[in-house]
Amino acid sequence: MKSKKMDCSHIQFCERKSKLDLKQLQEIFKATAFWAKDRKIEDLEIAIANSEPVISVWDGERMIGFARATSDGVYRACIWDVVIHPDYQGLGLGRKLVQTVLSHPRMSKVEKVYLMTTYQQKFYERIGFEYNQSTTMVLHNPLLVNQIQALESPAAVSIESA
């Protein structure tokens, strides 16, 4: 376990997706994120390729933190997968990671930035995020598949052509 008084001057923040070691990222998810502990490397590759910015935090050759976001660059953005390895939590790296994501050109001028968290509301409130009761809707993929299948059924076609 790292000391809370650890000198973090050697910690590096990196925006190069090509530098990511997906096995290390997978290990951080397993150690810190119940919601991401079973993610497959192939799926991580797709998610990362479709995210901008993608920020990683390094202690030498060891990845110790990660976050990604998606954004339209103007109106809305969402921060995803903010994680700091347990050995490095409590040192201010999570705050710095989120601030680095927010300062990225794709994020810095966006009207509203969203994120979802199960247990870390207080952490994000200290950074400036506010609880937002009005954006609690979610559509799970199986529902979407069923809706698409229903639209493609012969009954749906006959209703549309009537």
Protein backbone atom coordinates (compact mmCIF):
# COMPACT_ATOMS: atom_id res chain seq x y z
CA MET A 1 0.00 0.00 0.00
CA LYS A 2 1.28 3.43 -0.91
CA SER A 3 1.67 6.09 1.77
CA LYS A 4 -0.85 8.93 1.74
CA LYS A 5 2.14 11.30 1.74
CA MET A 6 3.54 9.73 -1.43
CA ASP A 7 5.36 12.05 -3.82
CA CYS A 8 3.25 11.96 -6.99
CA SER A 9 5.58 14.12 -9.09
CA HIS A 10 6.54 11.05 -11.15
CA ILE A 11 2.92 10.17 -12.06
CA GLN A 12 2.20 10.70 -15.76
CA PHE A 13 -1.15 11.40 -17.44
CA CYS A 14 -1.32 10.15 -21.01
CA GLU A 15 -3.79 10.76 -23.85
CA ARG A 16 -2.25 8.28 -26.30
CA LYS A 17 -4.72 5.45 -26.82
CA SER A 18 -1.92 3.44 -28.37
CA LYS A 19 -0.05 3.43 -25.04
CA LEU A 20 -2.89 1.64 -23.24
CA ASP A 21 -2.16 -1.83 -21.96
CA LEU A 22 -5.61 -3.40 -21.99
CA LYS A 23 -4.55 -6.26 -19.72
CA GLN A 24 -3.47 -3.73 -17.07
CA LEU A 25 -6.73 -1.83 -17.56
CA GLN A 26 -8.68 -5.04 -17.14
CA GLU A 27 -6.80 -5.69 -13.87
CA ILE A 28 -7.64 -2.20 -12.56
CA PHE A 29 -11.32 -2.81 -13.38
CA LYS A 30 -11.21 -6.16 -11.56
CA ALA A 31 -9.63 -4.52 -8.50
CA THR A 32 -11.82 -1.41 -8.31
CA ALA A 33 -15.02 -1.56 -10.34
CA PHE A 34 -17.77 -4.08 -9.63
CA TRP A 35 -19.57 -2.73 -12.70
CA ALA A 36 -16.63 -3.42 -15.04
CA LYS A 37 -14.82 -6.41 -13.54
CA ASP A 38 -15.90 -8.81 -16.29
CA ARG A 39 -15.18 -6.66 -19.33
CA LYS A 40 -13.49 -8.42 -22.22
CA ILE A 41 -10.41 -6.99 -23.92
CA GLU A 42 -12.13 -7.07 -27.34
CA ASP A 43 -15.00 -4.96 -25.96
CA LEU A 44 -12.60 -2.55 -24.23
CA GLU A 45 -10.86 -2.00 -27.59
CA ILE A 46 -14.17 -0.99 -29.20
CA ALA A 47 -15.22 1.28 -26.31
CA ILE A 48 -11.84 3.03 -26.27
CA ALA A 49 -11.77 3.45 -30.05
CA ASN A 50 -15.14 5.22 -29.84
CA SER A 51 -14.20 7.48 -26.91
CA GLU A 52 -12.44 10.85 -26.90
CA PRO A 53 -10.73 11.75 -24.66
CA VAL A 54 -9.19 8.63 -23.19
CA ILE A 55 -6.83 9.41 -20.30
CA SER A 56 -4.59 7.00 -18.44
CA VAL A 57 -2.47 7.51 -15.35
CA TRP A 58 0.93 5.84 -15.01
CA ASP A 59 3.48 5.17 -12.31
CA GLY A 60 6.43 4.20 -14.48
CA GLU A 61 5.28 1.24 -16.58
CA ARG A 62 2.31 0.52 -14.32
CA MET A 63 -1.11 1.86 -15.31
CA ILE A 64 -2.76 3.08 -12.13
CA GLY A 65 -5.75 5.04 -13.44
CA PHE A 66 -8.07 5.47 -16.36
CA ALA A 67 -11.06 7.47 -17.57
CA ARG A 68 -12.77 8.01 -20.88
CA ALA A 69 -15.53 10.21 -22.24
CA THR A 70 -17.82 10.63 -25.19
CA SER A 71 -18.93 14.03 -26.42
CA ASP A 72 -20.61 15.86 -29.27
CA GLY A 73 -18.24 18.74 -28.53
CA VAL A 74 -20.99 21.30 -27.97
CA TYR A 75 -24.07 20.22 -26.04
CA ARG A 76 -23.55 16.96 -24.19
CA ALA A 77 -20.77 14.73 -22.95
CA CYS A 78 -20.52 11.81 -20.59
CA ILE A 79 -17.57 10.65 -18.51
CA TRP A 80 -17.14 6.89 -18.20
CA ASP A 81 -15.02 4.40 -16.31
CA VAL A 82 -13.14 6.62 -13.87
CA VAL A 83 -10.85 4.29 -11.90
CA ILE A 84 -7.74 4.63 -9.76
CA HIS A 85 -5.93 1.51 -8.55
CA PRO A 86 -6.63 0.95 -4.81
CA ASP A 87 -2.92 1.37 -3.95
CA TYR A 88 -3.08 4.97 -5.25
CA GLN A 89 -6.51 6.11 -4.03
CA GLY A 90 -6.69 9.04 -1.63
CA LEU A 91 -3.78 10.92 -3.23
CA GLY A 92 -5.81 13.34 -5.37
CA LEU A 93 -5.25 11.38 -8.58
CA GLY A 94 -8.96 10.74 -9.20
CA ARG A 95 -9.70 14.47 -9.02
CA LYS A 96 -6.78 15.22 -11.34
CA LEU A 97 -7.94 12.51 -13.73
CA VAL A 98 -11.46 13.96 -13.97
CA GLN A 99 -10.06 17.51 -14.33
CA THR A 100 -7.80 16.29 -17.15
CA VAL A 101 -10.78 14.76 -18.96
CA LEU A 102 -12.80 17.97 -18.50
CA SER A 103 -9.98 20.16 -19.84
CA HIS A 104 -9.75 18.23 -23.12
CA PRO A 105 -10.92 20.28 -26.17
CA ARG A 106 -13.80 17.83 -26.85
CA MET A 107 -15.08 18.43 -23.33
CA SER A 108 -14.09 21.93 -22.21
CA LYS A 109 -16.86 23.83 -24.04
CA VAL A 110 -19.70 21.32 -23.64
CA GLU A 111 -22.89 22.70 -22.12
CA LYS A 112 -23.56 19.69 -19.83
CA VAL A 113 -21.31 16.83 -18.74
CA TYR A 114 -22.96 13.75 -17.33
CA LEU A 115 -21.60 10.78 -15.43
CA MET A 116 -23.08 7.83 -13.62
CA THR A 117 -21.90 6.59 -10.27
CA THR A 118 -23.31 4.15 -7.77
CA TYR A 119 -21.38 5.00 -4.59
CA GLN A 120 -19.09 7.96 -5.32
CA GLN A 121 -21.54 10.89 -5.39
CA LYS A 122 -19.66 12.75 -2.64
CA PHE A 123 -16.38 12.48 -4.55
CA TYR A 124 -17.92 13.99 -7.70
CA GLU A 125 -19.79 16.67 -5.73
CA ARG A 126 -16.42 17.88 -4.40
CA ILE A 127 -15.28 18.31 -8.02
CA GLY A 128 -18.40 20.33 -8.89
CA PHE A 129 -20.91 17.79 -10.19
CA GLU A 130 -24.47 18.05 -8.93
CA TYR A 131 -27.07 15.38 -8.28
CA ASN A 132 -29.51 15.36 -11.20
CA GLN A 133 -32.77 13.54 -10.60
CA SER A 134 -34.16 14.32 -14.06
CA THR A 135 -31.79 12.14 -16.09
CA THR A 136 -32.48 8.69 -14.74
CA MET A 137 -33.81 7.02 -17.88
CA VAL A 138 -32.01 4.04 -19.36
CA LEU A 139 -32.73 1.70 -22.26
CA HIS A 140 -31.14 -1.73 -21.88
CA ASN A 141 -29.99 -3.36 -25.10
CA PRO A 142 -32.34 -6.40 -24.90
CA LEU A 143 -35.27 -3.97 -24.88
CA LEU A 144 -33.90 -2.24 -27.94
CA VAL A 145 -33.48 -5.56 -29.75
CA ASN A 146 -37.07 -6.54 -28.90
CA GLN A 147 -38.39 -3.18 -30.13
CA ILE A 148 -36.52 -3.50 -33.41
CA GLN A 149 -37.76 -7.06 -33.87
CA ALA A 150 -41.33 -5.93 -33.19
CA LEU A 151 -41.02 -3.21 -35.83
CA GLU A 152 -39.71 -5.74 -38.33
CA SER A 153 -42.53 -8.27 -37.71
CA PRO A 154 -45.17 -8.83 -40.45
CA ALA A 155 -47.87 -7.38 -38.16
CA ALA A 156 -45.92 -4.14 -37.86
CA VAL A 157 -45.49 -3.98 -41.63
CA SER A 158 -49.20 -4.45 -42.26
CA ILE A 159 -50.08 -1.73 -39.74
CA GLU A 160 -47.69 0.69 -41.44
CA SER A 161 -49.07 -0.05 -44.90
CA ALA A 162 -52.71 0.34 -43.86
